């Protein structure tokens, strides 16, 4: 029997990988996140639109960093056939947080829930033309992350406008994007 068809060797390989991960101290976390700082302070005569665009660009950079992170790859690896998420069904949420570092205004947070069904992975399999579960899961997770970031940002946009009116964004600002994933019931 070859390595690809011998189930005992496959399971041993998975166990070795998990042991390596545990030895490195990289225990599994069920979320992927990225944080971006916007340290360039807008001009005093900047319009509201320009200042909101600055916040959106910080969120966009955080989204791109989260979509390319190794943490997201680890989440996608959980979708493997012998993986921990049974039946390729998962639920989660995407949260976007804007932190005003030079102002005492509380953080603005938006959250958007999502659900991944086996049908989504089948559609991804047709598009990617591969049967690798982690590749297809990565495609689905990135789509859910993108849609979740946009939905969360739209939910929190009125609060961001209030923050701009209070001039809370005139200092350093941090944007954090987090995707949390858990097995579906």
Protein backbone atom coordinates (compact mmCIF):
# COMPACT_ATOMS: atom_id res chain seq x y z
CA UNK A 1 0.00 0.00 0.00
CA UNK A 2 1.28 3.44 -0.81
CA UNK A 3 1.43 6.39 1.57
CA UNK A 4 -1.65 7.92 -0.04
CA UNK A 5 -3.85 4.87 0.47
CA UNK A 6 -2.61 3.56 3.80
CA UNK A 7 -4.96 5.00 6.45
CA UNK A 8 -2.64 4.17 9.35
CA UNK A 9 0.22 6.15 7.82
CA UNK A 10 -2.10 9.05 7.06
CA UNK A 11 -3.33 9.15 10.66
CA UNK A 12 0.23 8.84 11.97
CA UNK A 13 1.25 11.76 9.79
CA UNK A 14 -1.62 13.86 11.13
CA UNK A 15 -0.69 12.95 14.71
CA UNK A 16 2.95 13.90 14.09
CA UNK A 17 1.87 17.25 12.65
CA UNK A 18 -0.34 17.96 15.66
CA UNK A 19 2.47 16.96 18.03
CA UNK A 20 4.84 19.29 16.17
CA UNK A 21 2.32 22.10 16.47
CA UNK A 22 1.92 21.44 20.20
CA UNK A 23 5.69 21.34 20.70
CA UNK A 24 6.04 24.70 18.97
CA UNK A 25 3.38 26.11 21.26
CA UNK A 26 1.06 26.86 18.38
CA UNK A 27 -2.05 25.27 19.82
CA UNK A 28 -5.13 25.67 17.70
CA UNK A 29 -7.03 28.87 18.04
CA UNK A 30 -10.36 29.11 16.35
CA UNK A 31 -9.95 32.61 15.02
CA UNK A 32 -7.83 34.55 12.58
CA UNK A 33 -7.26 38.25 13.05
CA UNK A 34 -5.17 41.12 11.85
CA UNK A 35 -4.65 44.64 13.17
CA UNK A 36 -3.57 47.67 11.18
CA UNK A 37 -2.58 51.07 12.46
CA UNK A 38 -3.40 54.32 10.70
CA UNK A 39 -0.72 56.62 12.05
CA UNK A 40 -0.94 59.31 9.40
CA UNK A 41 -3.06 62.04 10.99
CA UNK A 42 -5.48 63.71 8.57
CA UNK A 43 -5.13 67.39 7.80
CA UNK A 44 -7.15 69.76 9.98
CA UNK A 45 -9.20 70.83 6.95
CA UNK A 46 -9.89 67.25 5.76
CA UNK A 47 -13.49 66.60 4.78
CA UNK A 48 -15.68 64.03 6.47
CA UNK A 49 -15.50 61.85 3.36
CA UNK A 50 -11.69 61.89 3.37
CA UNK A 51 -11.58 60.99 7.04
CA UNK A 52 -14.08 58.14 6.59
CA UNK A 53 -12.03 56.93 3.62
CA UNK A 54 -8.98 56.81 5.91
CA UNK A 55 -10.88 54.57 8.35
CA UNK A 56 -12.12 52.34 5.52
CA UNK A 57 -8.59 52.00 4.14
CA UNK A 58 -7.35 50.88 7.55
CA UNK A 59 -10.14 48.28 7.66
CA UNK A 60 -9.26 47.21 4.12
CA UNK A 61 -5.59 46.72 5.01
CA UNK A 62 -6.58 44.71 8.10
CA UNK A 63 -8.90 42.56 5.96
CA UNK A 64 -6.12 41.87 3.46
CA UNK A 65 -3.70 40.94 6.23
CA UNK A 66 -6.27 38.59 7.81
CA UNK A 67 -7.09 36.99 4.45
CA UNK A 68 -3.39 36.26 3.84
CA UNK A 69 -2.53 35.21 7.38
CA UNK A 70 -1.26 31.84 8.44
CA UNK A 71 -4.03 31.71 11.03
CA UNK A 72 -6.63 31.59 8.24
CA UNK A 73 -4.68 28.76 6.60
CA UNK A 74 -4.86 26.83 9.87
CA UNK A 75 -8.62 27.37 9.98
CA UNK A 76 -8.89 26.10 6.41
CA UNK A 77 -6.82 23.03 7.28
CA UNK A 78 -9.50 22.07 9.82
CA UNK A 79 -11.76 21.25 6.88
CA UNK A 80 -9.65 18.28 5.81
CA UNK A 81 -11.47 15.00 5.33
CA UNK A 82 -10.18 13.60 8.60
CA UNK A 83 -10.29 17.04 10.17
CA UNK A 84 -11.97 18.26 13.31
CA UNK A 85 -14.99 19.97 11.77
CA UNK A 86 -17.42 17.19 10.99
CA UNK A 87 -19.45 17.21 7.79
CA UNK A 88 -17.72 20.44 6.67
CA UNK A 89 -20.38 22.47 8.49
CA UNK A 90 -19.26 25.50 10.45
CA UNK A 91 -20.60 28.71 11.93
CA UNK A 92 -18.81 31.82 12.88
CA UNK A 93 -18.68 35.56 12.80
CA UNK A 94 -16.55 38.32 11.40
CA UNK A 95 -15.94 41.35 13.57
CA UNK A 96 -14.47 44.70 12.68
CA UNK A 97 -13.22 47.02 15.39
CA UNK A 98 -12.06 50.62 15.09
CA UNK A 99 -10.00 51.81 18.07
CA UNK A 100 -9.37 55.50 18.60
CA UNK A 101 -5.95 55.50 20.25
CA UNK A 102 -5.62 59.25 20.88
CA UNK A 103 -9.19 59.88 22.01
CA UNK A 104 -11.30 58.62 24.91
CA UNK A 105 -14.16 57.51 22.63
CA UNK A 106 -14.94 53.80 23.07
CA UNK A 107 -14.15 51.38 20.25
CA UNK A 108 -16.66 51.00 17.44
CA UNK A 109 -17.36 47.34 16.75
CA UNK A 110 -19.43 45.68 14.04
CA UNK A 111 -20.14 41.97 13.72
CA UNK A 112 -21.58 39.78 10.98
CA UNK A 113 -22.42 36.09 11.48
CA UNK A 114 -21.96 33.46 8.77
CA UNK A 115 -22.54 29.77 8.19
CA UNK A 116 -20.60 27.42 5.93
CA UNK A 117 -22.54 24.47 4.58
CA UNK A 118 -21.17 21.48 2.63
CA UNK A 119 -22.76 22.89 -0.52
CA UNK A 120 -20.45 25.92 -0.38
CA UNK A 121 -17.41 23.63 -0.43
CA UNK A 122 -18.87 21.69 -3.36
CA UNK A 123 -19.26 24.95 -5.29
CA UNK A 124 -15.70 25.92 -4.42
CA UNK A 125 -14.53 22.51 -5.61
CA UNK A 126 -16.12 23.21 -9.02
CA UNK A 127 -14.45 26.62 -9.25
CA UNK A 128 -10.98 25.60 -8.07
CA UNK A 129 -11.07 22.25 -9.88
CA UNK A 130 -9.30 20.54 -7.04
CA UNK A 131 -10.49 18.13 -4.40
CA UNK A 132 -8.13 19.40 -1.69
CA UNK A 133 -10.40 20.30 1.19
CA UNK A 134 -8.06 22.95 2.62
CA UNK A 135 -7.80 24.82 -0.70
CA UNK A 136 -11.56 24.83 -1.16
CA UNK A 137 -12.08 25.84 2.46
CA UNK A 138 -9.60 28.70 2.04
CA UNK A 139 -11.62 30.01 -0.90
CA UNK A 140 -14.88 29.78 1.06
CA UNK A 141 -13.36 31.36 4.18
CA UNK A 142 -11.94 34.28 2.20
CA UNK A 143 -15.33 34.90 0.59
CA UNK A 144 -17.05 34.79 3.98
CA UNK A 145 -14.38 37.09 5.43
CA UNK A 146 -14.84 39.62 2.62
CA UNK A 147 -18.64 39.58 2.86
CA UNK A 148 -18.51 39.71 6.66
CA UNK A 149 -16.14 42.68 6.72
CA UNK A 150 -18.37 44.63 4.34
CA UNK A 151 -21.53 43.78 6.31
CA UNK A 152 -19.90 44.64 9.66
CA UNK A 153 -18.52 47.91 8.29
CA UNK A 154 -21.93 48.92 6.96
CA UNK A 155 -23.47 48.21 10.38
CA UNK A 156 -20.96 50.39 12.16
CA UNK A 157 -20.75 53.21 9.61
CA UNK A 158 -23.29 55.45 11.44
CA UNK A 159 -21.19 55.15 14.61
CA UNK A 160 -18.06 55.96 12.61
CA UNK A 161 -19.74 59.11 11.31
CA UNK A 162 -20.49 60.09 14.91
CA UNK A 163 -16.84 59.50 15.78
CA UNK A 164 -15.74 61.67 12.87
CA UNK A 165 -18.12 64.42 14.04
CA UNK A 166 -16.55 64.21 17.51
CA UNK A 167 -13.13 64.43 15.81
CA UNK A 168 -12.07 61.18 17.52
CA UNK A 169 -10.32 60.08 14.34
CA UNK A 170 -7.91 63.01 14.27
CA UNK A 171 -5.22 60.96 16.01
CA UNK A 172 -3.90 57.45 15.58
CA UNK A 173 -6.49 54.81 14.75
CA UNK A 174 -6.30 51.01 14.74
CA UNK A 175 -8.53 48.69 12.73
CA UNK A 176 -8.85 45.04 13.68
CA UNK A 177 -10.57 42.32 11.65
CA UNK A 178 -11.29 38.98 13.30
CA UNK A 179 -12.86 35.82 11.91
CA UNK A 180 -14.07 33.32 14.48
CA UNK A 181 -14.95 29.78 13.35
CA UNK A 182 -16.56 26.95 15.27
CA UNK A 183 -18.17 23.63 14.31
CA UNK A 184 -21.78 23.89 13.19
CA UNK A 185 -24.49 22.03 14.99
